[in-house]
């Protein structure tokens, strides 16, 4: 999943994303620059959103 897709789902609010993943807003902001999210967090977001967001290794930071 792309970071931009996550932002749409969470109403363009990085604080909401950070709270959902129990990480800092600053940590989430790093992902914005690459429009990508680390694989473990993509998997967690897929679960949190009941599959509305789908983990995708193509748009992943690390674990390639």
PDB file of N, CA and C in Angstrom:
ATOM      1  N   UNK A   1       0.845  -1.183   0.000  1.00  0.00           N
ATOM      2  CA  UNK A   1       0.000   0.000   0.000  1.00  0.00           C
ATOM      3  C   UNK A   1       0.881   1.234   0.000  1.00  0.00           C
ATOM      4  N   UNK A   2       0.405   2.242  -0.612  1.00  0.00           N
ATOM      5  CA  UNK A   2       1.112   3.517  -0.630  1.00  0.00           C
ATOM      6  C   UNK A   2       0.689   4.338   0.584  1.00  0.00           C
ATOM      7  N   UNK A   3       1.593   5.198   1.000  1.00  0.00           N
ATOM      8  CA  UNK A   3       1.281   6.083   2.114  1.00  0.00           C
ATOM      9  C   UNK A   3       0.070   6.946   1.786  1.00  0.00           C
ATOM     10  N   UNK A   4      -0.007   7.385   0.550  1.00  0.00           N
ATOM     11  CA  UNK A   4      -1.130   8.237   0.144  1.00  0.00           C
ATOM     12  C   UNK A   4      -2.476   7.518   0.318  1.00  0.00           C
ATOM     13  N   UNK A   5      -2.507   6.209   0.089  1.00  0.00           N
ATOM     14  CA  UNK A   5      -3.741   5.432   0.282  1.00  0.00           C
ATOM     15  C   UNK A   5      -4.125   5.395   1.758  1.00  0.00           C
ATOM     16  N   UNK A   6      -3.116   5.261   2.611  1.00  0.00           N
ATOM     17  CA  UNK A   6      -3.362   5.236   4.056  1.00  0.00           C
ATOM     18  C   UNK A   6      -3.908   6.585   4.509  1.00  0.00           C
ATOM     19  N   UNK A   7      -3.342   7.653   3.990  1.00  0.00           N
ATOM     20  CA  UNK A   7      -3.807   8.980   4.373  1.00  0.00           C
ATOM     21  C   UNK A   7      -5.261   9.203   3.960  1.00  0.00           C
ATOM     22  N   UNK A   8      -5.639   8.735   2.807  1.00  0.00           N
ATOM     23  CA  UNK A   8      -7.039   8.851   2.385  1.00  0.00           C
ATOM     24  C   UNK A   8      -7.935   8.111   3.369  1.00  0.00           C
ATOM     25  N   UNK A   9      -7.540   6.897   3.714  1.00  0.00           N
ATOM     26  CA  UNK A   9      -8.349   6.080   4.630  1.00  0.00           C
ATOM     27  C   UNK A   9      -8.500   6.753   6.001  1.00  0.00           C
ATOM     28  N   UNK A  10      -7.428   7.394   6.463  1.00  0.00           N
ATOM     29  CA  UNK A  10      -7.437   8.025   7.786  1.00  0.00           C
ATOM     30  C   UNK A  10      -7.700   9.533   7.701  1.00  0.00           C
ATOM     31  N   UNK A  11      -8.430   9.943   6.692  1.00  0.00           N
ATOM     32  CA  UNK A  11      -8.873  11.337   6.540  1.00  0.00           C
ATOM     33  C   UNK A  11      -7.715  12.337   6.546  1.00  0.00           C
ATOM     34  N   UNK A  12      -6.617  11.969   5.902  1.00  0.00           N
ATOM     35  CA  UNK A  12      -5.450  12.845   5.754  1.00  0.00           C
ATOM     36  C   UNK A  12      -4.901  13.320   7.094  1.00  0.00           C
ATOM     37  N   UNK A  13      -4.963  12.475   8.106  1.00  0.00           N
ATOM     38  CA  UNK A  13      -4.527  12.846   9.448  1.00  0.00           C
ATOM     39  C   UNK A  13      -3.441  11.877   9.925  1.00  0.00           C
ATOM     40  N   UNK A  14      -2.192  12.350   9.920  1.00  0.00           N
ATOM     41  CA  UNK A  14      -1.082  11.484  10.336  1.00  0.00           C
ATOM     42  C   UNK A  14      -1.186  11.083  11.803  1.00  0.00           C
ATOM     43  N   UNK A  15      -1.775  11.912  12.618  1.00  0.00           N
ATOM     44  CA  UNK A  15      -1.955  11.564  14.031  1.00  0.00           C
ATOM     45  C   UNK A  15      -2.866  10.356  14.178  1.00  0.00           C
ATOM     46  N   UNK A  16      -3.904  10.273  13.356  1.00  0.00           N
ATOM     47  CA  UNK A  16      -4.793   9.110  13.397  1.00  0.00           C
ATOM     48  C   UNK A  16      -4.051   7.843  13.003  1.00  0.00           C
ATOM     49  N   UNK A  17      -3.195   7.946  11.996  1.00  0.00           N
ATOM     50  CA  UNK A  17      -2.402   6.794  11.564  1.00  0.00           C
ATOM     51  C   UNK A  17      -1.470   6.370  12.694  1.00  0.00           C
ATOM     52  N   UNK A  18      -0.790   7.335  13.288  1.00  0.00           N
ATOM     53  CA  UNK A  18       0.144   7.047  14.371  1.00  0.00           C
ATOM     54  C   UNK A  18      -0.557   6.381  15.554  1.00  0.00           C
ATOM     55  N   UNK A  19      -1.728   6.893  15.920  1.00  0.00           N
ATOM     56  CA  UNK A  19      -2.483   6.298  17.027  1.00  0.00           C
ATOM     57  C   UNK A  19      -2.905   4.870  16.711  1.00  0.00           C
ATOM     58  N   UNK A  20      -3.345   4.641  15.491  1.00  0.00           N
ATOM     59  CA  UNK A  20      -3.793   3.297  15.101  1.00  0.00           C
ATOM     60  C   UNK A  20      -2.660   2.277  15.193  1.00  0.00           C
ATOM     61  N   UNK A  21      -1.435   2.741  14.929  1.00  0.00           N
ATOM     62  CA  UNK A  21      -0.283   1.840  14.927  1.00  0.00           C
ATOM     63  C   UNK A  21       0.556   1.936  16.205  1.00  0.00           C
ATOM     64  N   UNK A  22       0.141   2.819  17.111  1.00  0.00           N
ATOM     65  CA  UNK A  22       0.851   3.011  18.373  1.00  0.00           C
ATOM     66  C   UNK A  22       2.313   3.414  18.150  1.00  0.00           C
ATOM     67  N   UNK A  23       2.516   4.365  17.237  1.00  0.00           N
ATOM     68  CA  UNK A  23       3.845   4.922  16.961  1.00  0.00           C
ATOM     69  C   UNK A  23       3.730   6.439  16.994  1.00  0.00           C
ATOM     70  N   UNK A  24       4.864   7.116  16.941  1.00  0.00           N
ATOM     71  CA  UNK A  24       4.836   8.577  16.968  1.00  0.00           C
ATOM     72  C   UNK A  24       4.441   9.138  15.601  1.00  0.00           C
ATOM     73  N   UNK A  25       3.906  10.338  15.636  1.00  0.00           N
ATOM     74  CA  UNK A  25       3.542  11.027  14.395  1.00  0.00           C
ATOM     75  C   UNK A  25       4.795  11.285  13.561  1.00  0.00           C
ATOM     76  N   UNK A  26       5.899  11.571  14.224  1.00  0.00           N
ATOM     77  CA  UNK A  26       7.148  11.831  13.532  1.00  0.00           C
ATOM     78  C   UNK A  26       7.612  10.593  12.756  1.00  0.00           C
ATOM     79  N   UNK A  27       7.420   9.430  13.333  1.00  0.00           N
ATOM     80  CA  UNK A  27       7.790   8.184  12.666  1.00  0.00           C
ATOM     81  C   UNK A  27       6.953   8.000  11.396  1.00  0.00           C
ATOM     82  N   UNK A  28       5.682   8.293  11.492  1.00  0.00           N
ATOM     83  CA  UNK A  28       4.793   8.196  10.330  1.00  0.00           C
ATOM     84  C   UNK A  28       5.197   9.213   9.263  1.00  0.00           C
ATOM     85  N   UNK A  29       5.624  10.386   9.674  1.00  0.00           N
ATOM     86  CA  UNK A  29       6.008  11.440   8.724  1.00  0.00           C
ATOM     87  C   UNK A  29       7.167  11.006   7.830  1.00  0.00           C
ATOM     88  N   UNK A  30       8.040  10.146   8.330  1.00  0.00           N
ATOM     89  CA  UNK A  30       9.167   9.641   7.530  1.00  0.00           C
ATOM     90  C   UNK A  30       8.641   8.860   6.323  1.00  0.00           C
ATOM     91  N   UNK A  31       7.573   8.146   6.505  1.00  0.00           N
ATOM     92  CA  UNK A  31       7.003   7.328   5.428  1.00  0.00           C
ATOM     93  C   UNK A  31       6.454   8.196   4.301  1.00  0.00           C
ATOM     94  N   UNK A  32       5.965   9.371   4.652  1.00  0.00           N
ATOM     95  CA  UNK A  32       5.356  10.255   3.659  1.00  0.00           C
ATOM     96  C   UNK A  32       6.348  10.614   2.554  1.00  0.00           C
ATOM     97  N   UNK A  33       7.594  10.855   2.923  1.00  0.00           N
ATOM     98  CA  UNK A  33       8.600  11.257   1.943  1.00  0.00           C
ATOM     99  C   UNK A  33       8.828  10.198   0.873  1.00  0.00           C
ATOM    100  N   UNK A  34       8.676   8.925   1.247  1.00  0.00           N
ATOM    101  CA  UNK A  34       8.919   7.831   0.308  1.00  0.00           C
ATOM    102  C   UNK A  34       7.623   7.259  -0.271  1.00  0.00           C
ATOM    103  N   UNK A  35       6.490   7.753   0.200  1.00  0.00           N
ATOM    104  CA  UNK A  35       5.177   7.232  -0.173  1.00  0.00           C
ATOM    105  C   UNK A  35       5.152   5.717  -0.017  1.00  0.00           C
ATOM    106  N   UNK A  36       5.771   5.248   1.065  1.00  0.00           N
ATOM    107  CA  UNK A  36       5.864   3.814   1.343  1.00  0.00           C
ATOM    108  C   UNK A  36       5.840   3.594   2.853  1.00  0.00           C
ATOM    109  N   UNK A  37       5.501   2.357   3.243  1.00  0.00           N
ATOM    110  CA  UNK A  37       5.348   2.009   4.654  1.00  0.00           C
ATOM    111  C   UNK A  37       6.085   0.702   4.908  1.00  0.00           C
ATOM    112  N   UNK A  38       6.774   0.565   6.051  1.00  0.00           N
ATOM    113  CA  UNK A  38       7.435  -0.700   6.359  1.00  0.00           C
ATOM    114  C   UNK A  38       6.439  -1.868   6.360  1.00  0.00           C
ATOM    115  N   UNK A  39       6.925  -3.020   5.896  1.00  0.00           N
ATOM    116  CA  UNK A  39       6.073  -4.199   5.735  1.00  0.00           C
ATOM    117  C   UNK A  39       5.270  -4.563   6.989  1.00  0.00           C
ATOM    118  N   UNK A  40       5.884  -4.628   8.182  1.00  0.00           N
ATOM    119  CA  UNK A  40       5.082  -5.024   9.360  1.00  0.00           C
ATOM    120  C   UNK A  40       3.900  -4.091   9.619  1.00  0.00           C
ATOM    121  N   UNK A  41       4.089  -2.802   9.358  1.00  0.00           N
ATOM    122  CA  UNK A  41       3.004  -1.843   9.571  1.00  0.00           C
ATOM    123  C   UNK A  41       1.942  -1.958   8.481  1.00  0.00           C
ATOM    124  N   UNK A  42       2.355  -2.309   7.272  1.00  0.00           N
ATOM    125  CA  UNK A  42       1.363  -2.557   6.217  1.00  0.00           C
ATOM    126  C   UNK A  42       0.463  -3.722   6.619  1.00  0.00           C
ATOM    127  N   UNK A  43       1.074  -4.779   7.135  1.00  0.00           N
ATOM    128  CA  UNK A  43       0.278  -5.944   7.554  1.00  0.00           C
ATOM    129  C   UNK A  43      -0.680  -5.573   8.681  1.00  0.00           C
ATOM    130  N   UNK A  44      -0.185  -4.787   9.629  1.00  0.00           N
ATOM    131  CA  UNK A  44      -1.035  -4.353  10.734  1.00  0.00           C
ATOM    132  C   UNK A  44      -2.189  -3.478  10.239  1.00  0.00           C
ATOM    133  N   UNK A  45      -1.904  -2.582   9.305  1.00  0.00           N
ATOM    134  CA  UNK A  45      -2.963  -1.733   8.753  1.00  0.00           C
ATOM    135  C   UNK A  45      -3.997  -2.552   7.987  1.00  0.00           C
ATOM    136  N   UNK A  46      -3.558  -3.591   7.308  1.00  0.00           N
ATOM    137  CA  UNK A  46      -4.505  -4.453   6.600  1.00  0.00           C
ATOM    138  C   UNK A  46      -5.475  -5.087   7.593  1.00  0.00           C
ATOM    139  N   UNK A  47      -4.957  -5.509   8.731  1.00  0.00           N
ATOM    140  CA  UNK A  47      -5.812  -6.109   9.767  1.00  0.00           C
ATOM    141  C   UNK A  47      -6.722  -5.055  10.394  1.00  0.00           C
ATOM    142  N   UNK A  48      -6.145  -3.913  10.763  1.00  0.00           N
ATOM    143  CA  UNK A  48      -6.911  -2.845  11.414  1.00  0.00           C
ATOM    144  C   UNK A  48      -8.072  -2.379  10.535  1.00  0.00           C
ATOM    145  N   UNK A  49      -7.841  -2.323   9.228  1.00  0.00           N
ATOM    146  CA  UNK A  49      -8.867  -1.811   8.308  1.00  0.00           C
ATOM    147  C   UNK A  49      -9.741  -2.921   7.722  1.00  0.00           C
ATOM    148  N   UNK A  50      -9.615  -4.112   8.261  1.00  0.00           N
ATOM    149  CA  UNK A  50     -10.406  -5.259   7.776  1.00  0.00           C
ATOM    150  C   UNK A  50     -10.269  -5.457   6.267  1.00  0.00           C
ATOM    151  N   UNK A  51      -9.044  -5.280   5.776  1.00  0.00           N
ATOM    152  CA  UNK A  51      -8.771  -5.528   4.369  1.00  0.00           C
ATOM    153  C   UNK A  51      -9.071  -4.378   3.427  1.00  0.00           C
ATOM    154  N   UNK A  52      -9.506  -3.248   3.960  1.00  0.00           N
ATOM    155  CA  UNK A  52      -9.740  -2.096   3.074  1.00  0.00           C
ATOM    156  C   UNK A  52      -8.420  -1.596   2.486  1.00  0.00           C
ATOM    157  N   UNK A  53      -7.349  -1.711   3.269  1.00  0.00           N
ATOM    158  CA  UNK A  53      -5.997  -1.433   2.777  1.00  0.00           C
ATOM    159  C   UNK A  53      -5.287  -2.778   2.658  1.00  0.00           C
ATOM    160  N   UNK A  54      -4.572  -2.987   1.566  1.00  0.00           N
ATOM    161  CA  UNK A  54      -3.924  -4.274   1.298  1.00  0.00           C
ATOM    162  C   UNK A  54      -2.406  -4.090   1.308  1.00  0.00           C
ATOM    163  N   UNK A  55      -1.727  -4.905   2.112  1.00  0.00           N
ATOM    164  CA  UNK A  55      -0.263  -4.878   2.158  1.00  0.00           C
ATOM    165  C   UNK A  55       0.293  -5.218   0.774  1.00  0.00           C
ATOM    166  N   UNK A  56       1.352  -4.501   0.385  1.00  0.00           N
ATOM    167  CA  UNK A  56       1.923  -4.643  -0.959  1.00  0.00           C
ATOM    168  C   UNK A  56       3.428  -4.440  -0.859  1.00  0.00           C
ATOM    169  N   UNK A  57       4.205  -5.486  -1.103  1.00  0.00           N
ATOM    170  CA  UNK A  57       5.663  -5.388  -0.976  1.00  0.00           C
ATOM    171  C   UNK A  57       6.287  -4.432  -1.977  1.00  0.00           C
ATOM    172  N   UNK A  58       5.585  -4.113  -3.036  1.00  0.00           N
ATOM    173  CA  UNK A  58       6.102  -3.177  -4.026  1.00  0.00           C
ATOM    174  C   UNK A  58       6.265  -1.777  -3.438  1.00  0.00           C
ATOM    175  N   UNK A  59       5.401  -1.422  -2.507  1.00  0.00           N
ATOM    176  CA  UNK A  59       5.437  -0.101  -1.881  1.00  0.00           C
ATOM    177  C   UNK A  59       5.824  -0.251  -0.410  1.00  0.00           C
ATOM    178  N   UNK A  60       6.992  -0.839  -0.218  1.00  0.00           N
ATOM    179  CA  UNK A  60       7.428  -1.195   1.118  1.00  0.00           C
ATOM    180  C   UNK A  60       8.806  -0.599   1.395  1.00  0.00           C
ATOM    181  N   UNK A  61       9.020  -0.142   2.614  1.00  0.00           N
ATOM    182  CA  UNK A  61      10.337   0.330   3.046  1.00  0.00           C
ATOM    183  C   UNK A  61      11.013  -0.858   3.730  1.00  0.00           C
ATOM    184  N   UNK A  62      12.170  -1.254   3.263  1.00  0.00           N
ATOM    185  CA  UNK A  62      12.884  -2.367   3.866  1.00  0.00           C
ATOM    186  C   UNK A  62      12.305  -3.717   3.489  1.00  0.00           C
ATOM    187  N   UNK A  63      12.928  -4.777   3.979  1.00  0.00           N
ATOM    188  CA  UNK A  63      12.466  -6.164   3.746  1.00  0.00           C
ATOM    189  C   UNK A  63      12.279  -6.483   2.280  1.00  0.00           C
ATOM    190  N   UNK A  64      13.139  -5.973   1.407  1.00  0.00           N
ATOM    191  CA  UNK A  64      13.007  -6.270  -0.019  1.00  0.00           C
ATOM    192  C   UNK A  64      13.917  -7.372  -0.414  1.00  0.00           C
TER     193      UNK A  64
END
